[in-house]
């Protein structure tokens, strides 16, 4: 138990068996949500389950860092995008705010998918941190898709662009915190050590602009299934003149 809850050893393998199994479990639950969406819509306590799991995931993560003596403001403040979205998911589940859904869906979903495919993780399967990492990111995906698939919430173009403005405002605030605390939240000061898409986007600070453009186009793609289409105007039947 002490070893399982300890700091862990460097044993993570990108797209290794443990990584692939974790991804398949997350996708499997998404498929269940889609194919049984009508039945699941009638189950009200799904929100409570998601909320409790999100809270337990975040609290256990912070407790793990404190227990192992590695907690520091440079790493464990909720200023990474996925950390922020864990908190926003909990607020969304309590308030069911449609404006907040747009942010969680666009940036929680896409950010978590990127984090799941290229994890900032070194612990081996099935260490506590390994399980917690994939569980936390999976919960963000499931919460976003719960409201998109089961609750059928939609996002208008206006909300789409406003969400991007809020993202950039948050990034600007995080940048100032990075400067003050000498941190690297949201990787605004340097690239992560593990392999990621940033490796193909050039040196600092140009990779940040590249990330912005990629995020915009990826969010456009995920917007398509939940785009709020305006209702078609009702046209009166006009008979030809003389008929």
Protein backbone atom coordinates (compact mmCIF):
# COMPACT_ATOMS: atom_id res chain seq x y z
CA UNK A 1 0.00 0.00 0.00
CA UNK A 2 2.78 2.44 0.89
CA UNK A 3 4.52 1.74 -2.40
CA UNK A 4 1.25 2.06 -4.34
CA UNK A 5 0.51 5.43 -2.70
CA UNK A 6 4.14 6.56 -2.79
CA UNK A 7 5.79 8.89 -5.25
CA UNK A 8 6.13 6.09 -7.79
CA UNK A 9 8.80 5.01 -10.20
CA UNK A 10 9.43 6.08 -13.76
CA UNK A 11 7.56 3.32 -15.55
CA UNK A 12 4.98 4.97 -17.79
CA UNK A 13 5.07 3.83 -21.42
CA UNK A 14 3.32 5.98 -24.01
CA UNK A 15 0.66 3.80 -25.71
CA UNK A 16 1.81 0.84 -23.67
CA UNK A 17 -0.67 -1.78 -22.47
CA UNK A 18 -1.68 0.19 -19.36
CA UNK A 19 -2.13 3.39 -21.37
CA UNK A 20 -4.23 1.68 -24.06
CA UNK A 21 -6.43 -0.12 -21.51
CA UNK A 22 -7.12 3.19 -19.76
CA UNK A 23 -8.09 4.85 -23.05
CA UNK A 24 -10.35 1.94 -24.00
CA UNK A 25 -12.18 2.08 -20.66
CA UNK A 26 -12.86 5.80 -21.13
CA UNK A 27 -14.07 5.28 -24.71
CA UNK A 28 -16.23 2.30 -23.63
CA UNK A 29 -18.07 4.46 -21.08
CA UNK A 30 -18.57 7.17 -23.71
CA UNK A 31 -20.14 4.57 -26.03
CA UNK A 32 -22.46 3.44 -23.24
CA UNK A 33 -23.50 7.06 -22.72
CA UNK A 34 -24.29 7.39 -26.42
CA UNK A 35 -26.15 4.15 -27.07
CA UNK A 36 -28.15 4.29 -23.83
CA UNK A 37 -28.64 8.07 -23.79
CA UNK A 38 -32.45 7.85 -23.70
CA UNK A 39 -32.48 5.60 -20.64
CA UNK A 40 -29.69 7.49 -18.90
CA UNK A 41 -31.61 10.75 -19.28
CA UNK A 42 -34.11 9.42 -16.75
CA UNK A 43 -31.41 8.67 -14.12
CA UNK A 44 -31.05 11.83 -12.07
CA UNK A 45 -28.30 10.66 -9.71
CA UNK A 46 -25.69 10.47 -12.51
CA UNK A 47 -24.87 14.10 -11.70
CA UNK A 48 -24.28 13.22 -8.06
CA UNK A 49 -22.02 10.30 -8.97
CA UNK A 50 -19.93 12.48 -11.29
CA UNK A 51 -19.74 15.26 -8.71
CA UNK A 52 -18.60 12.92 -5.91
CA UNK A 53 -16.05 11.22 -8.15
CA UNK A 54 -14.60 14.56 -9.29
CA UNK A 55 -14.31 15.79 -5.71
CA UNK A 56 -12.70 12.54 -4.52
CA UNK A 57 -10.28 12.57 -7.42
CA UNK A 58 -9.06 16.10 -6.74
CA UNK A 59 -8.91 15.72 -2.95
CA UNK A 60 -7.07 12.39 -3.18
CA UNK A 61 -4.57 13.92 -5.62
CA UNK A 62 -3.79 16.79 -3.26
CA UNK A 63 -3.59 14.37 -0.29
CA UNK A 64 -1.19 12.14 -2.23
CA UNK A 65 1.12 15.08 -2.90
CA UNK A 66 0.99 16.19 0.75
CA UNK A 67 1.53 12.64 2.05
CA UNK A 68 4.66 12.23 -0.07
CA UNK A 69 6.02 15.67 0.78
CA UNK A 70 6.06 16.85 -2.82
CA UNK A 71 3.26 19.44 -2.67
CA UNK A 72 4.42 22.84 -3.85
CA UNK A 73 2.76 25.95 -5.24
CA UNK A 74 4.81 25.45 -8.39
CA UNK A 75 2.97 22.25 -9.28
CA UNK A 76 -0.26 21.72 -7.37
CA UNK A 77 -2.32 24.88 -7.64
CA UNK A 78 -5.40 24.32 -9.86
CA UNK A 79 -4.02 26.48 -12.66
CA UNK A 80 -3.46 23.90 -15.37
CA UNK A 81 -6.36 23.85 -17.82
CA UNK A 82 -7.45 20.35 -16.84
CA UNK A 83 -7.19 21.19 -13.12
CA UNK A 84 -9.36 24.23 -13.70
CA UNK A 85 -11.88 22.15 -15.64
CA UNK A 86 -12.17 19.63 -12.81
CA UNK A 87 -13.36 22.48 -10.58
CA UNK A 88 -15.57 23.91 -13.32
CA UNK A 89 -17.10 20.48 -13.94
CA UNK A 90 -18.13 20.33 -10.29
CA UNK A 91 -19.67 23.81 -10.50
CA UNK A 92 -21.44 22.82 -13.73
CA UNK A 93 -22.91 19.70 -12.14
CA UNK A 94 -24.28 21.77 -9.25
CA UNK A 95 -25.54 24.79 -11.20
CA UNK A 96 -26.12 23.31 -14.70
CA UNK A 97 -25.13 26.69 -16.11
CA UNK A 98 -25.34 26.55 -19.91
CA UNK A 99 -22.67 29.23 -20.32
CA UNK A 100 -20.28 27.22 -18.19
CA UNK A 101 -21.08 24.10 -20.21
CA UNK A 102 -19.65 25.80 -23.30
CA UNK A 103 -16.28 26.34 -21.62
CA UNK A 104 -16.14 22.85 -20.10
CA UNK A 105 -17.14 21.19 -23.36
CA UNK A 106 -14.81 23.16 -25.61
CA UNK A 107 -11.70 23.26 -23.44
CA UNK A 108 -12.30 20.54 -20.87
CA UNK A 109 -13.11 17.95 -23.49
CA UNK A 110 -10.36 18.88 -25.95
CA UNK A 111 -7.76 19.52 -23.24
CA UNK A 112 -8.50 16.21 -21.55
CA UNK A 113 -8.27 14.29 -24.82
CA UNK A 114 -4.85 15.82 -25.43
CA UNK A 115 -3.85 14.99 -21.85
CA UNK A 116 -5.07 11.42 -22.26
CA UNK A 117 -3.18 10.87 -25.51
CA UNK A 118 0.08 12.48 -24.33
CA UNK A 119 -0.02 12.33 -20.50
CA UNK A 120 2.28 14.43 -18.35
CA UNK A 121 2.88 11.35 -16.23
CA UNK A 122 5.72 9.04 -15.31
CA UNK A 123 4.22 6.61 -12.77
CA UNK A 124 3.84 3.02 -13.84
CA UNK A 125 0.51 1.17 -14.22
CA UNK A 126 -1.36 0.73 -11.85
CA UNK A 127 0.12 3.17 -9.40
CA UNK A 128 -2.27 5.51 -7.55
CA UNK A 129 -1.19 8.53 -9.56
CA UNK A 130 -1.57 6.58 -12.83
CA UNK A 131 -5.15 5.59 -11.95
CA UNK A 132 -6.03 9.01 -10.58
CA UNK A 133 -4.67 10.80 -13.66
CA UNK A 134 -6.72 8.83 -16.16
CA UNK A 135 -9.77 8.76 -13.90
CA UNK A 136 -9.69 12.56 -13.44
CA UNK A 137 -9.29 13.25 -17.16
CA UNK A 138 -11.94 10.66 -17.97
CA UNK A 139 -14.34 12.37 -15.57
CA UNK A 140 -13.93 15.66 -17.43
CA UNK A 141 -14.69 13.91 -20.72
CA UNK A 142 -17.71 12.11 -19.25
CA UNK A 143 -19.10 15.27 -17.65
CA UNK A 144 -18.79 17.29 -20.85
CA UNK A 145 -20.38 14.52 -22.91
CA UNK A 146 -23.06 13.87 -20.30
CA UNK A 147 -24.41 17.34 -20.96
CA UNK A 148 -23.81 17.12 -24.71
CA UNK A 149 -25.19 13.61 -25.33
CA UNK A 150 -27.65 12.91 -22.52
CA UNK A 151 -28.84 16.40 -21.58
CA UNK A 152 -28.61 17.66 -25.19
CA UNK A 153 -27.16 21.08 -24.35
CA UNK A 154 -26.04 23.14 -27.33
CA UNK A 155 -23.54 25.96 -27.95
CA UNK A 156 -24.24 29.03 -30.08
CA UNK A 157 -21.57 30.79 -32.12
CA UNK A 158 -21.68 33.77 -29.80
CA UNK A 159 -20.96 31.56 -26.77
CA UNK A 160 -18.18 29.81 -28.70
CA UNK A 161 -16.26 33.05 -29.25
CA UNK A 162 -16.95 34.31 -25.73
CA UNK A 163 -15.53 31.09 -24.32
CA UNK A 164 -12.31 31.73 -26.24
CA UNK A 165 -12.12 35.22 -24.79
CA UNK A 166 -12.50 33.78 -21.28
CA UNK A 167 -9.79 31.21 -22.01
CA UNK A 168 -7.36 33.91 -23.07
CA UNK A 169 -8.24 36.03 -20.05
CA UNK A 170 -7.54 33.05 -17.79
CA UNK A 171 -4.26 32.36 -19.63
CA UNK A 172 -3.20 35.99 -19.16
CA UNK A 173 -3.87 35.74 -15.41
CA UNK A 174 -1.96 32.46 -15.22
CA UNK A 175 0.96 34.03 -17.09
CA UNK A 176 1.21 36.76 -14.45
CA UNK A 177 1.12 34.12 -11.71
CA UNK A 178 3.88 32.22 -13.52
CA UNK A 179 6.04 35.32 -13.57
CA UNK A 180 5.41 36.07 -9.89
CA UNK A 181 5.90 32.50 -8.63
CA UNK A 182 8.43 31.30 -11.23
CA UNK A 183 6.04 28.52 -12.29
CA UNK A 184 5.00 27.02 -15.62
CA UNK A 185 1.26 26.53 -15.37
CA UNK A 186 -0.48 25.90 -18.72
CA UNK A 187 3.07 25.57 -20.13
CA UNK A 188 3.11 29.28 -20.87
CA UNK A 189 6.79 29.63 -19.95
CA UNK A 190 8.26 26.48 -21.48
CA UNK A 191 7.25 23.17 -23.05
CA UNK A 192 6.54 20.08 -20.91
CA UNK A 193 9.33 17.53 -20.54
CA UNK A 194 7.26 14.68 -21.95
CA UNK A 195 6.42 14.32 -25.63
CA UNK A 196 3.51 16.48 -26.76
CA UNK A 197 2.13 18.31 -29.75
CA UNK A 198 4.12 21.37 -28.65
CA UNK A 199 7.29 19.68 -29.86
CA UNK A 200 6.14 20.36 -33.43
CA UNK A 201 5.19 24.00 -32.92
CA UNK A 202 8.58 25.67 -32.76
CA UNK A 203 10.44 27.41 -29.91
CA UNK A 204 9.09 29.65 -27.15
CA UNK A 205 6.96 31.75 -27.45
CA UNK A 206 5.81 30.73 -30.93
CA UNK A 207 4.45 27.37 -29.81
CA UNK A 208 1.87 29.25 -27.72
CA UNK A 209 0.47 30.91 -30.84
CA UNK A 210 0.50 27.50 -32.55
CA UNK A 211 -1.43 26.01 -29.63
CA UNK A 212 -3.97 28.81 -29.86
CA UNK A 213 -4.60 28.12 -33.54
CA UNK A 214 -4.77 24.35 -33.06
CA UNK A 215 -7.14 24.75 -30.11
CA UNK A 216 -9.38 27.00 -32.20
CA UNK A 217 -9.71 24.51 -35.07
CA UNK A 218 -10.10 21.49 -32.79
CA UNK A 219 -12.82 23.31 -30.89
CA UNK A 220 -14.51 24.06 -34.22
CA UNK A 221 -14.57 20.33 -34.93
CA UNK A 222 -16.05 19.36 -31.56
CA UNK A 223 -18.52 22.23 -31.86
CA UNK A 224 -20.20 20.71 -34.92
CA UNK A 225 -22.22 18.04 -33.03
CA UNK A 226 -23.46 20.53 -30.41
CA UNK A 227 -23.88 23.65 -32.55
CA UNK A 228 -27.08 25.47 -31.70
CA UNK A 229 -28.87 25.83 -35.00
CA UNK A 230 -31.34 28.72 -35.17
CA UNK A 231 -34.88 27.68 -35.87
CA UNK A 232 -35.95 27.98 -39.47
CA UNK A 233 -38.37 30.86 -40.02
CA UNK A 234 -41.90 29.83 -40.82
CA UNK A 235 -42.71 30.82 -44.33
CA UNK A 236 -46.30 31.40 -45.22
CA UNK A 237 -47.61 29.53 -48.19
CA UNK A 238 -47.85 32.02 -50.98
CA UNK A 239 -50.02 31.03 -53.89
CA UNK A 240 -49.06 32.25 -57.37
CA UNK A 241 -50.92 35.34 -58.56
CA UNK A 242 -54.07 34.51 -60.42
CA UNK A 243 -54.51 31.02 -58.97
